[in-house]
Protein backbone atom coordinates (compact mmCIF):
# COMPACT_ATOMS: atom_id res chain seq x y z
CA MET A 1 105.08 97.99 104.44
CA ILE A 2 106.02 97.52 100.79
CA LEU A 3 106.02 100.76 98.79
CA ALA A 4 104.42 100.06 95.42
CA ALA A 5 102.64 103.26 94.42
CA GLY A 6 105.21 104.86 92.11
CA ARG A 7 104.50 105.57 88.45
CA GLY A 8 107.92 104.45 87.23
CA GLU A 9 108.30 107.21 84.64
CA ARG A 10 111.93 106.34 83.87
CA MET A 11 110.90 102.75 83.18
CA ARG A 12 108.53 103.66 80.37
CA PRO A 13 107.38 102.15 78.06
CA LEU A 14 107.60 99.03 80.26
CA THR A 15 105.45 100.67 82.93
CA ASP A 16 102.79 101.96 80.55
CA THR A 17 100.91 98.69 80.94
CA CYS A 18 102.55 97.09 84.01
CA PRO A 19 103.17 98.64 87.44
CA LYS A 20 106.89 98.85 88.12
CA PRO A 21 106.85 96.51 91.17
CA LEU A 22 105.43 93.74 88.96
CA LEU A 23 108.24 93.89 86.40
CA GLU A 24 110.07 90.60 86.63
CA VAL A 25 113.63 90.05 87.82
CA ARG A 26 114.91 86.50 87.46
CA GLY A 27 111.46 85.04 87.10
CA LYS A 28 109.68 86.91 89.90
CA PRO A 29 107.96 90.30 90.22
CA LEU A 30 110.36 92.81 91.76
CA MET A 31 108.19 93.30 94.83
CA GLN A 32 107.97 89.56 95.46
CA TRP A 33 111.64 89.47 96.50
CA PRO A 34 111.17 91.61 99.65
CA MET A 35 107.80 89.98 100.30
CA GLU A 36 109.46 86.56 100.42
CA ALA A 37 112.34 87.87 102.53
CA LEU A 38 109.91 89.35 105.05
CA ALA A 39 107.96 86.09 105.23
CA ALA A 40 111.22 84.16 105.73
CA GLY A 41 112.00 86.42 108.69
CA GLY A 42 108.61 85.76 110.26
CA PHE A 43 107.02 89.06 109.23
CA THR A 44 103.81 87.95 107.57
CA GLU A 45 101.42 90.92 107.95
CA LEU A 46 102.07 93.36 105.10
CA ILE A 47 100.66 96.66 103.94
CA VAL A 48 101.14 97.44 100.25
CA ASN A 49 100.36 100.93 98.96
CA THR A 50 99.31 101.26 95.33
CA ASP A 51 98.42 103.85 92.74
CA TRP A 52 99.36 103.41 89.08
CA LEU A 53 97.72 100.21 87.75
CA GLY A 54 97.34 99.20 91.38
CA ALA A 55 94.58 96.69 90.67
CA GLN A 56 97.15 94.56 88.87
CA ILE A 57 99.13 94.28 92.10
CA SER A 58 96.18 93.32 94.30
CA ASP A 59 94.92 90.93 91.60
CA ARG A 60 98.36 89.32 91.32
CA PHE A 61 98.88 88.66 95.03
CA GLY A 62 95.45 88.90 96.63
CA PRO A 63 95.07 89.03 100.42
CA ASN A 64 96.84 85.76 101.38
CA PRO A 65 99.51 84.70 98.90
CA LEU A 66 101.59 81.57 99.36
CA LEU A 67 105.08 82.17 97.98
CA ASP A 68 107.60 79.38 97.44
CA GLY A 69 106.57 77.35 100.46
CA LEU A 70 106.94 80.25 102.90
CA PRO A 71 104.40 81.09 105.61
CA ALA A 72 101.20 82.60 104.21
CA LEU A 73 101.19 86.37 104.03
CA SER A 74 98.30 88.57 105.05
CA ILE A 75 98.23 91.66 102.83
CA SER A 76 96.19 94.83 103.25
CA TYR A 77 96.22 97.31 100.38
CA SER A 78 96.31 101.08 100.74
CA ASP A 79 94.90 102.24 97.40
CA GLU A 80 96.12 105.82 97.13
CA GLY A 81 95.06 106.13 93.51
CA ARG A 82 91.47 105.16 94.27
CA ASP A 83 91.25 107.24 97.45
CA PHE A 84 93.10 110.39 96.36
CA GLY A 85 93.70 110.18 92.63
CA GLY A 86 97.44 109.69 92.92
CA ALA A 87 100.38 108.56 95.00
CA LEU A 88 101.08 110.37 98.28
CA GLU A 89 104.90 110.11 98.20
CA THR A 90 106.74 108.03 100.79
CA ALA A 91 105.87 109.78 104.06
CA GLY A 92 102.35 110.59 102.95
CA GLY A 93 101.80 106.96 102.06
CA ILE A 94 103.22 105.71 105.35
CA VAL A 95 101.04 108.07 107.39
CA ARG A 96 98.03 106.95 105.36
CA ALA A 97 98.77 103.33 106.32
CA LEU A 98 99.79 104.11 109.91
CA PRO A 99 96.56 102.83 111.53
CA LEU A 100 97.39 99.39 110.09
CA LEU A 101 101.09 99.38 110.91
CA GLY A 102 101.45 99.36 114.67
CA ASP A 103 104.15 101.01 116.76
CA VAL A 104 107.24 99.52 115.04
CA PHE A 105 107.41 98.40 111.41
CA TRP A 106 109.61 97.69 108.42
CA VAL A 107 109.39 99.70 105.19
CA ALA A 108 110.96 98.60 101.91
CA ALA A 109 110.50 99.78 98.33
CA GLY A 110 108.93 97.31 95.94
CA ASP A 111 111.23 98.40 93.11
CA VAL A 112 114.62 97.78 94.75
CA PHE A 113 116.39 94.46 94.24
CA ALA A 114 118.31 93.25 97.30
CA PRO A 115 118.10 89.45 97.06
CA GLY A 116 120.41 88.76 100.00
CA PHE A 117 118.88 91.13 102.53
CA ALA A 118 117.50 89.41 105.64
CA PHE A 119 114.65 90.95 107.61
CA THR A 120 115.46 89.51 111.02
CA GLN A 121 113.77 89.46 114.41
CA ALA A 122 117.16 90.31 115.94
CA SER A 123 117.30 93.58 113.98
CA LEU A 124 113.79 94.42 115.13
CA GLU A 125 114.62 93.67 118.76
CA ARG A 126 117.79 95.79 118.67
CA PHE A 127 115.84 98.67 117.19
CA VAL A 128 113.08 98.44 119.79
CA ALA A 129 115.67 98.42 122.58
CA SER A 130 117.51 101.42 121.10
CA GLY A 131 114.66 103.85 121.69
CA ARG A 132 115.42 105.57 118.37
CA LEU A 133 112.80 106.58 115.82
CA ALA A 134 114.32 104.97 112.72
CA HIS A 135 117.08 102.61 111.66
CA LEU A 136 118.24 102.75 108.05
CA TRP A 137 120.27 100.42 105.88
CA LEU A 138 122.71 102.32 103.67
CA VAL A 139 124.58 100.95 100.67
CA PRO A 140 127.76 101.96 98.78
CA ASN A 141 126.91 104.67 96.27
CA PRO A 142 125.86 103.44 92.84
CA ALA A 143 126.93 105.30 89.71
CA HIS A 144 123.62 107.13 89.49
CA ASN A 145 123.91 108.56 93.05
CA PRO A 146 127.64 109.26 93.52
CA LYS A 147 127.25 111.82 96.32
CA GLY A 148 125.11 109.57 98.51
CA ASP A 149 122.34 110.57 100.91
CA PHE A 150 123.39 110.21 104.55
CA GLY A 151 126.56 109.83 106.55
CA LEU A 152 127.28 107.15 109.14
CA SER A 153 129.04 107.84 112.44
CA ALA A 154 131.43 105.41 114.12
CA ASP A 155 128.79 104.69 116.76
CA GLY A 156 126.06 103.94 114.21
CA LEU A 157 124.14 107.20 113.87
CA ALA A 158 122.80 108.44 110.54
CA LEU A 159 124.18 111.90 109.76
CA ASN A 160 123.00 114.80 107.65
CA THR A 161 126.53 116.15 107.30
CA ALA A 162 129.57 113.93 106.88
CA PRO A 163 132.73 113.79 104.74
CA GLU A 164 131.53 110.49 103.29
CA LYS A 165 127.92 109.69 102.51
CA PHE A 166 126.17 106.51 101.47
CA THR A 167 122.96 105.82 99.57
CA PHE A 168 119.76 105.02 101.43
CA SER A 169 118.73 101.52 100.38
CA THR A 170 115.00 102.30 101.04
CA ILE A 171 114.99 99.54 103.69
CA GLY A 172 114.36 100.73 107.23
CA LEU A 173 112.73 100.17 110.58
CA TYR A 174 110.48 102.91 111.98
CA ARG A 175 108.47 103.90 115.01
CA ALA A 176 105.06 105.45 114.50
CA ALA A 177 106.25 108.37 116.65
CA LEU A 178 108.47 109.54 113.78
CA PHE A 179 105.30 110.33 111.82
CA ALA A 180 103.82 112.58 114.51
CA PRO A 181 104.75 116.04 115.82
CA PRO A 182 107.32 117.51 115.97
CA TYR A 183 108.63 115.62 112.93
CA CYS A 184 105.42 115.23 110.92
CA ASP A 185 102.24 117.29 111.13
CA ILE A 186 100.00 115.06 109.00
CA PRO A 187 97.18 113.51 111.06
CA THR A 188 97.37 109.74 111.44
CA GLY A 189 95.64 108.10 108.51
CA ASN A 190 96.30 111.15 106.30
CA PRO A 191 92.58 111.78 105.75
CA ALA A 192 93.22 114.71 103.41
CA GLY A 193 95.65 112.74 101.27
CA ARG A 194 98.63 115.06 101.71
CA LYS A 195 101.72 114.28 99.71
CA ALA A 196 104.93 114.32 101.73
CA PRO A 197 108.49 113.08 101.15
CA LEU A 198 110.33 111.06 103.80
CA ALA A 199 113.79 112.67 103.71
CA PRO A 200 112.92 115.95 105.54
CA ILE A 201 111.34 113.97 108.38
CA LEU A 202 114.38 111.73 108.67
CA ARG A 203 116.77 114.67 108.54
CA ALA A 204 114.96 116.47 111.36
CA ALA A 205 115.16 113.35 113.53
CA MET A 206 118.83 112.89 112.62
CA ASP A 207 119.53 116.35 114.01
CA ASN A 208 118.33 115.01 117.38
CA GLU A 209 120.40 111.79 117.09
CA LEU A 210 117.26 109.70 116.81
CA VAL A 211 118.11 107.83 113.60
CA SER A 212 120.62 104.98 113.53
CA ALA A 213 122.03 103.24 110.47
CA GLU A 214 124.31 100.49 109.21
CA LEU A 215 126.01 99.68 105.95
CA TYR A 216 124.70 96.83 103.81
CA THR A 217 127.22 95.53 101.28
CA GLY A 218 125.26 92.71 99.63
CA PRO A 219 123.89 92.87 96.08
CA TRP A 220 121.58 95.87 95.73
CA THR A 221 120.06 97.60 92.70
CA ASP A 222 117.65 100.48 92.41
CA VAL A 223 115.81 99.22 89.32
CA GLY A 224 115.25 102.69 87.94
CA THR A 225 115.77 102.21 84.21
CA PRO A 226 115.02 99.54 81.60
CA GLU A 227 118.78 99.10 81.19
CA ARG A 228 119.27 98.20 84.87
CA LEU A 229 116.38 95.75 84.66
CA ALA A 230 117.84 94.12 81.57
CA GLN A 231 121.26 93.87 83.20
CA LEU A 232 119.81 92.08 86.23
CA ASN A 233 118.05 89.62 83.99
CA THR A 234 121.22 88.81 82.04
CA THR A 235 123.59 88.60 85.02
CA PRO A 236 123.94 85.21 86.73
CA THR A 237 122.44 84.98 90.22
CA ARG A 238 125.06 85.48 92.92
């Protein structure tokens, strides 16, 4: 699942007429980078949630885009703006799309730039074998999030409390069971369109040692301001 429903308030005025995931980094829409990386890893069935100017996203990519010679993608769109009048936040959006996602799935934000990240079958297989409910990729803390989000134990568990915390990259693997009781009380498909953040659900599962994590040290940028976007577009590709 590619998360693409955010309004991008901090990116205004750029996002007044263009949805944030379609803003270009190095010649491609931001969200195309994870789409291509997923296709390269053999993950070709995508769900994209939309809200603000969402029709631009579905018009841009359609249901079966061919990207740079990679295997054809099959995209289903979860139009939260059309169905509920606004975005449902991360967990609300995932639960809305759950009937299309299957038991185990990737989630990545369409507005984060991580050009070297590889979505691999090996990672998926390790996660399935682990029996855990989520596996998160953390990154060294950027200047705009100096305190981080989650800790990381020596044996690879994500921690709520730790002397050192890292920033959640937004990239993760999940089981559908995380979005069911006791961690989430929204019915599958989110028929009422409830808004719900992801962090409280993750934190509750962390307390039961059901969330693993690892540190990713490749290039990574949360493209949250026009200045960060401009910097990416003026910095040589690494």
